[in-house]
Amino acid sequence: FFSGWEKICYMLLVRAVYAVVTPSVFILAVILVKRLIVGRFAEGARGKSQWQRFRRWIMKTLLPNGKLGGFLPVFGAHWNLHSWVLRALGAKVGKRVFLPGSGLRTF
């Protein structure tokens, strides 16, 4: 054979780590950009200045569909980590809040 069991196990481990680490690093980078560059959004009407438009464009580009960059399928939407990520992005989420969105599929 072209590879032994050790190499196959190693490759499976690398793929598993990649599947978990990539969304984690992406969401941490998005949180850093949100905190350091974008800042907080104010309530009320959207600002008309170029800076306000740029800030909104950055967030739309980083999280275009609100799926948190593949973070939820890996870690699940029902865990406290999901609430923590939303809080880190500036949302107001209370304690013990149930966030539906990745329920069990029944066939």
N, C-alpha and C. Protein backbone atom coordinates (compact mmCIF):
# COMPACT_ATOMS: atom_id res chain seq x y z
N PHE A 1 0.83 -1.20 0.00
CA PHE A 1 0.00 0.00 0.00
C PHE A 1 0.87 1.25 0.00
N PHE A 2 0.26 2.35 -0.40
CA PHE A 2 0.99 3.60 -0.48
C PHE A 2 1.14 4.29 0.87
N SER A 3 0.39 3.85 1.88
CA SER A 3 0.52 4.47 3.20
C SER A 3 0.11 3.46 4.27
N GLY A 4 0.66 3.67 5.42
CA GLY A 4 0.35 2.80 6.54
C GLY A 4 -0.78 3.37 7.39
N TRP A 5 -1.18 2.61 8.39
CA TRP A 5 -2.26 3.04 9.28
C TRP A 5 -1.91 4.31 10.05
N GLU A 6 -0.62 4.47 10.37
CA GLU A 6 -0.22 5.67 11.10
C GLU A 6 -0.49 6.92 10.28
N LYS A 7 -0.17 6.85 8.98
CA LYS A 7 -0.37 8.01 8.12
C LYS A 7 -1.86 8.29 7.93
N ILE A 8 -2.66 7.26 7.80
CA ILE A 8 -4.11 7.44 7.64
C ILE A 8 -4.69 8.09 8.90
N CYS A 9 -4.30 7.60 10.07
CA CYS A 9 -4.78 8.19 11.33
C CYS A 9 -4.33 9.63 11.46
N TYR A 10 -3.09 9.90 11.07
CA TYR A 10 -2.57 11.26 11.14
C TYR A 10 -3.38 12.18 10.23
N MET A 11 -3.68 11.75 9.02
CA MET A 11 -4.44 12.58 8.10
C MET A 11 -5.87 12.83 8.60
N LEU A 12 -6.49 11.82 9.20
CA LEU A 12 -7.82 12.02 9.78
C LEU A 12 -7.77 13.01 10.93
N LEU A 13 -6.74 12.92 11.75
CA LEU A 13 -6.58 13.86 12.86
C LEU A 13 -6.38 15.29 12.34
N VAL A 14 -5.58 15.43 11.31
CA VAL A 14 -5.34 16.76 10.74
C VAL A 14 -6.64 17.34 10.20
N ARG A 15 -7.44 16.54 9.51
CA ARG A 15 -8.71 17.03 8.97
C ARG A 15 -9.68 17.42 10.08
N ALA A 16 -9.71 16.65 11.17
CA ALA A 16 -10.60 16.97 12.29
C ALA A 16 -10.16 18.26 12.97
N VAL A 17 -8.87 18.42 13.19
CA VAL A 17 -8.38 19.65 13.82
C VAL A 17 -8.64 20.84 12.92
N TYR A 18 -8.44 20.68 11.63
CA TYR A 18 -8.70 21.76 10.68
C TYR A 18 -10.18 22.17 10.69
N ALA A 19 -11.06 21.18 10.78
CA ALA A 19 -12.50 21.47 10.78
C ALA A 19 -12.92 22.24 12.03
N VAL A 20 -12.23 22.05 13.13
CA VAL A 20 -12.58 22.74 14.38
C VAL A 20 -11.83 24.07 14.51
N VAL A 21 -10.56 24.08 14.14
CA VAL A 21 -9.73 25.27 14.37
C VAL A 21 -10.07 26.40 13.39
N THR A 22 -10.35 26.08 12.13
CA THR A 22 -10.60 27.12 11.14
C THR A 22 -11.80 28.01 11.52
N PRO A 23 -12.98 27.45 11.85
CA PRO A 23 -14.08 28.34 12.25
C PRO A 23 -13.78 29.10 13.54
N SER A 24 -13.04 28.49 14.45
CA SER A 24 -12.71 29.17 15.71
C SER A 24 -11.81 30.37 15.48
N VAL A 25 -10.79 30.19 14.66
CA VAL A 25 -9.88 31.30 14.36
C VAL A 25 -10.62 32.39 13.59
N PHE A 26 -11.50 31.99 12.66
CA PHE A 26 -12.25 32.98 11.88
C PHE A 26 -13.14 33.82 12.78
N ILE A 27 -13.88 33.17 13.69
CA ILE A 27 -14.80 33.94 14.53
C ILE A 27 -14.03 34.82 15.51
N LEU A 28 -12.86 34.38 15.98
CA LEU A 28 -12.04 35.24 16.84
C LEU A 28 -11.52 36.45 16.06
N ALA A 29 -11.16 36.24 14.79
CA ALA A 29 -10.70 37.36 13.97
C ALA A 29 -11.85 38.35 13.72
N VAL A 30 -13.05 37.84 13.49
CA VAL A 30 -14.21 38.72 13.29
C VAL A 30 -14.49 39.53 14.55
N ILE A 31 -14.38 38.88 15.71
CA ILE A 31 -14.60 39.59 16.98
C ILE A 31 -13.55 40.69 17.16
N LEU A 32 -12.29 40.40 16.83
CA LEU A 32 -11.25 41.42 16.94
C LEU A 32 -11.50 42.59 16.00
N VAL A 33 -11.87 42.30 14.76
CA VAL A 33 -12.17 43.38 13.81
C VAL A 33 -13.36 44.20 14.30
N LYS A 34 -14.37 43.54 14.80
CA LYS A 34 -15.56 44.24 15.30
C LYS A 34 -15.20 45.16 16.46
N ARG A 35 -14.39 44.66 17.37
CA ARG A 35 -14.04 45.46 18.55
C ARG A 35 -13.06 46.59 18.24
N LEU A 36 -12.04 46.28 17.40
CA LEU A 36 -10.97 47.25 17.18
C LEU A 36 -11.26 48.25 16.06
N ILE A 37 -11.94 47.82 15.01
CA ILE A 37 -12.14 48.70 13.86
C ILE A 37 -13.58 49.22 13.80
N VAL A 38 -14.53 48.32 13.86
CA VAL A 38 -15.93 48.71 13.65
C VAL A 38 -16.49 49.42 14.87
N GLY A 39 -16.29 48.86 16.04
CA GLY A 39 -16.84 49.46 17.25
C GLY A 39 -18.31 49.11 17.43
N ARG A 40 -18.98 49.87 18.29
CA ARG A 40 -20.40 49.62 18.57
C ARG A 40 -21.28 50.38 17.59
N PHE A 41 -22.39 49.75 17.26
CA PHE A 41 -23.39 50.42 16.45
C PHE A 41 -24.38 51.10 17.39
N ALA A 42 -24.80 52.29 17.02
CA ALA A 42 -25.76 53.03 17.83
C ALA A 42 -27.18 52.71 17.39
N GLU A 43 -28.11 52.80 18.33
CA GLU A 43 -29.51 52.60 18.00
C GLU A 43 -30.01 53.77 17.18
N GLY A 44 -31.08 53.52 16.46
CA GLY A 44 -31.69 54.59 15.68
C GLY A 44 -31.39 54.48 14.21
N ALA A 45 -31.55 55.60 13.52
CA ALA A 45 -31.36 55.63 12.07
C ALA A 45 -29.89 55.38 11.73
N ARG A 46 -29.68 54.78 10.57
CA ARG A 46 -28.32 54.53 10.13
C ARG A 46 -27.65 55.84 9.74
N GLY A 47 -26.38 55.93 10.08
CA GLY A 47 -25.63 57.13 9.72
C GLY A 47 -25.37 57.21 8.23
N LYS A 48 -25.27 58.41 7.72
CA LYS A 48 -25.07 58.61 6.29
C LYS A 48 -23.61 58.89 5.95
N SER A 49 -22.74 58.96 6.95
CA SER A 49 -21.35 59.28 6.66
C SER A 49 -20.64 58.09 6.02
N GLN A 50 -19.53 58.36 5.38
CA GLN A 50 -18.75 57.31 4.73
C GLN A 50 -18.22 56.31 5.77
N TRP A 51 -17.85 56.78 6.93
CA TRP A 51 -17.35 55.89 7.97
C TRP A 51 -18.43 54.93 8.44
N GLN A 52 -19.65 55.43 8.62
CA GLN A 52 -20.76 54.56 9.03
C GLN A 52 -21.04 53.51 7.96
N ARG A 53 -21.03 53.91 6.71
CA ARG A 53 -21.25 52.95 5.62
C ARG A 53 -20.12 51.93 5.56
N PHE A 54 -18.90 52.38 5.77
CA PHE A 54 -17.76 51.47 5.75
C PHE A 54 -17.85 50.44 6.87
N ARG A 55 -18.24 50.89 8.05
CA ARG A 55 -18.38 49.96 9.19
C ARG A 55 -19.43 48.89 8.89
N ARG A 56 -20.57 49.28 8.36
CA ARG A 56 -21.62 48.32 8.02
C ARG A 56 -21.18 47.39 6.89
N TRP A 57 -20.43 47.92 5.93
CA TRP A 57 -19.94 47.09 4.83
C TRP A 57 -18.97 46.03 5.35
N ILE A 58 -18.10 46.40 6.29
CA ILE A 58 -17.17 45.42 6.85
C ILE A 58 -17.94 44.27 7.49
N MET A 59 -18.94 44.57 8.30
CA MET A 59 -19.68 43.50 8.96
C MET A 59 -20.48 42.66 7.97
N LYS A 60 -21.05 43.29 6.95
CA LYS A 60 -21.76 42.52 5.93
C LYS A 60 -20.82 41.62 5.15
N THR A 61 -19.58 42.07 4.96
CA THR A 61 -18.60 41.27 4.23
C THR A 61 -18.10 40.11 5.08
N LEU A 62 -17.83 40.36 6.34
CA LEU A 62 -17.30 39.31 7.21
C LEU A 62 -18.35 38.25 7.56
N LEU A 63 -19.57 38.68 7.80
CA LEU A 63 -20.66 37.76 8.15
C LEU A 63 -21.83 38.01 7.21
N PRO A 64 -21.73 37.56 5.96
CA PRO A 64 -22.75 37.94 4.97
C PRO A 64 -24.14 37.37 5.23
N ASN A 65 -24.24 36.19 5.77
CA ASN A 65 -25.56 35.59 5.96
C ASN A 65 -25.89 35.36 7.43
N GLY A 66 -25.08 35.86 8.33
CA GLY A 66 -25.35 35.72 9.75
C GLY A 66 -25.09 34.33 10.31
N LYS A 67 -24.36 33.50 9.59
CA LYS A 67 -24.09 32.14 10.03
C LYS A 67 -22.83 32.03 10.88
N LEU A 68 -22.19 33.11 11.17
CA LEU A 68 -20.99 33.16 12.00
C LEU A 68 -19.84 32.34 11.42
N GLY A 69 -19.73 32.33 10.12
CA GLY A 69 -18.58 31.75 9.45
C GLY A 69 -18.36 30.27 9.68
N GLY A 70 -19.41 29.50 9.78
CA GLY A 70 -19.26 28.06 9.98
C GLY A 70 -19.03 27.66 11.42
N PHE A 71 -19.16 28.59 12.33
CA PHE A 71 -18.94 28.32 13.75
C PHE A 71 -20.06 27.48 14.35
N LEU A 72 -21.30 27.77 13.98
CA LEU A 72 -22.44 27.07 14.57
C LEU A 72 -22.52 25.59 14.21
N PRO A 73 -22.27 25.19 12.96
CA PRO A 73 -22.32 23.75 12.69
C PRO A 73 -21.29 22.94 13.46
N VAL A 74 -20.17 23.55 13.79
CA VAL A 74 -19.13 22.82 14.52
C VAL A 74 -19.44 22.75 16.01
N PHE A 75 -19.82 23.87 16.61
CA PHE A 75 -20.01 23.92 18.05
C PHE A 75 -21.46 23.86 18.49
N GLY A 76 -22.39 24.06 17.58
CA GLY A 76 -23.80 23.98 17.92
C GLY A 76 -24.36 25.31 18.38
N ALA A 77 -25.65 25.49 18.13
CA ALA A 77 -26.29 26.75 18.48
C ALA A 77 -26.88 26.73 19.88
N HIS A 78 -26.94 25.59 20.51
CA HIS A 78 -27.61 25.49 21.81
C HIS A 78 -26.65 25.60 22.99
N TRP A 79 -25.41 25.90 22.74
CA TRP A 79 -24.44 25.97 23.82
C TRP A 79 -24.24 27.41 24.26
N ASN A 80 -23.71 27.58 25.45
CA ASN A 80 -23.45 28.91 25.99
C ASN A 80 -22.38 29.63 25.18
N LEU A 81 -21.55 28.88 24.46
CA LEU A 81 -20.52 29.48 23.63
C LEU A 81 -21.13 30.34 22.52
N HIS A 82 -22.27 29.93 22.02
CA HIS A 82 -22.97 30.72 21.00
C HIS A 82 -23.39 32.07 21.57
N SER A 83 -23.93 32.06 22.79
CA SER A 83 -24.31 33.32 23.43
C SER A 83 -23.09 34.20 23.68
N TRP A 84 -21.99 33.57 24.06
CA TRP A 84 -20.77 34.33 24.31
C TRP A 84 -20.28 35.02 23.04
N VAL A 85 -20.31 34.30 21.91
CA VAL A 85 -19.88 34.88 20.64
C VAL A 85 -20.78 36.05 20.27
N LEU A 86 -22.08 35.89 20.43
CA LEU A 86 -22.99 36.98 20.10
C LEU A 86 -22.76 38.18 21.01
N ARG A 87 -22.50 37.94 22.29
CA ARG A 87 -22.19 39.05 23.21
C ARG A 87 -20.89 39.74 22.81
N ALA A 88 -19.90 38.95 22.40
CA ALA A 88 -18.61 39.52 21.99
C ALA A 88 -18.77 40.37 20.73
N LEU A 89 -19.76 40.04 19.90
CA LEU A 89 -20.02 40.84 18.71
C LEU A 89 -20.91 42.05 19.00
N GLY A 90 -21.38 42.19 20.23
CA GLY A 90 -22.13 43.38 20.62
C GLY A 90 -23.61 43.17 20.86
N ALA A 91 -24.10 41.95 20.74
CA ALA A 91 -25.53 41.71 20.97
C ALA A 91 -25.81 41.64 22.47
N LYS A 92 -27.02 41.98 22.85
CA LYS A 92 -27.43 41.86 24.24
C LYS A 92 -28.21 40.56 24.38
N VAL A 93 -27.57 39.57 25.00
CA VAL A 93 -28.17 38.25 25.20
C VAL A 93 -28.14 37.97 26.69
N GLY A 94 -29.30 37.70 27.25
CA GLY A 94 -29.38 37.43 28.68
C GLY A 94 -28.86 36.04 29.04
N LYS A 95 -28.73 35.81 30.33
CA LYS A 95 -28.30 34.50 30.81
C LYS A 95 -29.43 33.50 30.62
N ARG A 96 -29.06 32.25 30.42
CA ARG A 96 -29.99 31.14 30.26
C ARG A 96 -31.00 31.37 29.14
N VAL A 97 -30.54 31.95 28.04
CA VAL A 97 -31.39 32.19 26.89
C VAL A 97 -31.22 31.03 25.92
N PHE A 98 -32.33 30.48 25.45
CA PHE A 98 -32.31 29.40 24.48
C PHE A 98 -32.31 30.01 23.09
N LEU A 99 -31.30 29.70 22.30
CA LEU A 99 -31.19 30.23 20.95
C LEU A 99 -31.43 29.09 19.97
N PRO A 100 -32.62 28.98 19.44
CA PRO A 100 -32.89 27.89 18.50
C PRO A 100 -32.19 28.11 17.17
N GLY A 101 -32.05 27.05 16.43
CA GLY A 101 -31.46 27.23 15.12
C GLY A 101 -30.75 26.00 14.58
N SER A 102 -30.37 25.10 15.42
CA SER A 102 -29.71 23.88 14.92
C SER A 102 -30.31 22.67 15.62
N GLY A 103 -31.60 22.54 15.51
CA GLY A 103 -32.29 21.44 16.17
C GLY A 103 -31.98 20.10 15.54
N LEU A 104 -32.41 19.05 16.18
CA LEU A 104 -32.21 17.71 15.65
C LEU A 104 -33.10 17.48 14.45
N ARG A 105 -32.55 16.79 13.47
CA ARG A 105 -33.33 16.45 12.30
C ARG A 105 -34.00 15.11 12.51
N THR A 106 -35.25 15.04 12.21
CA THR A 106 -35.95 13.77 12.30
C THR A 106 -36.38 13.36 10.90
N PHE A 107 -36.20 12.10 10.62
CA PHE A 107 -36.53 11.61 9.27
C PHE A 107 -37.66 10.63 9.35
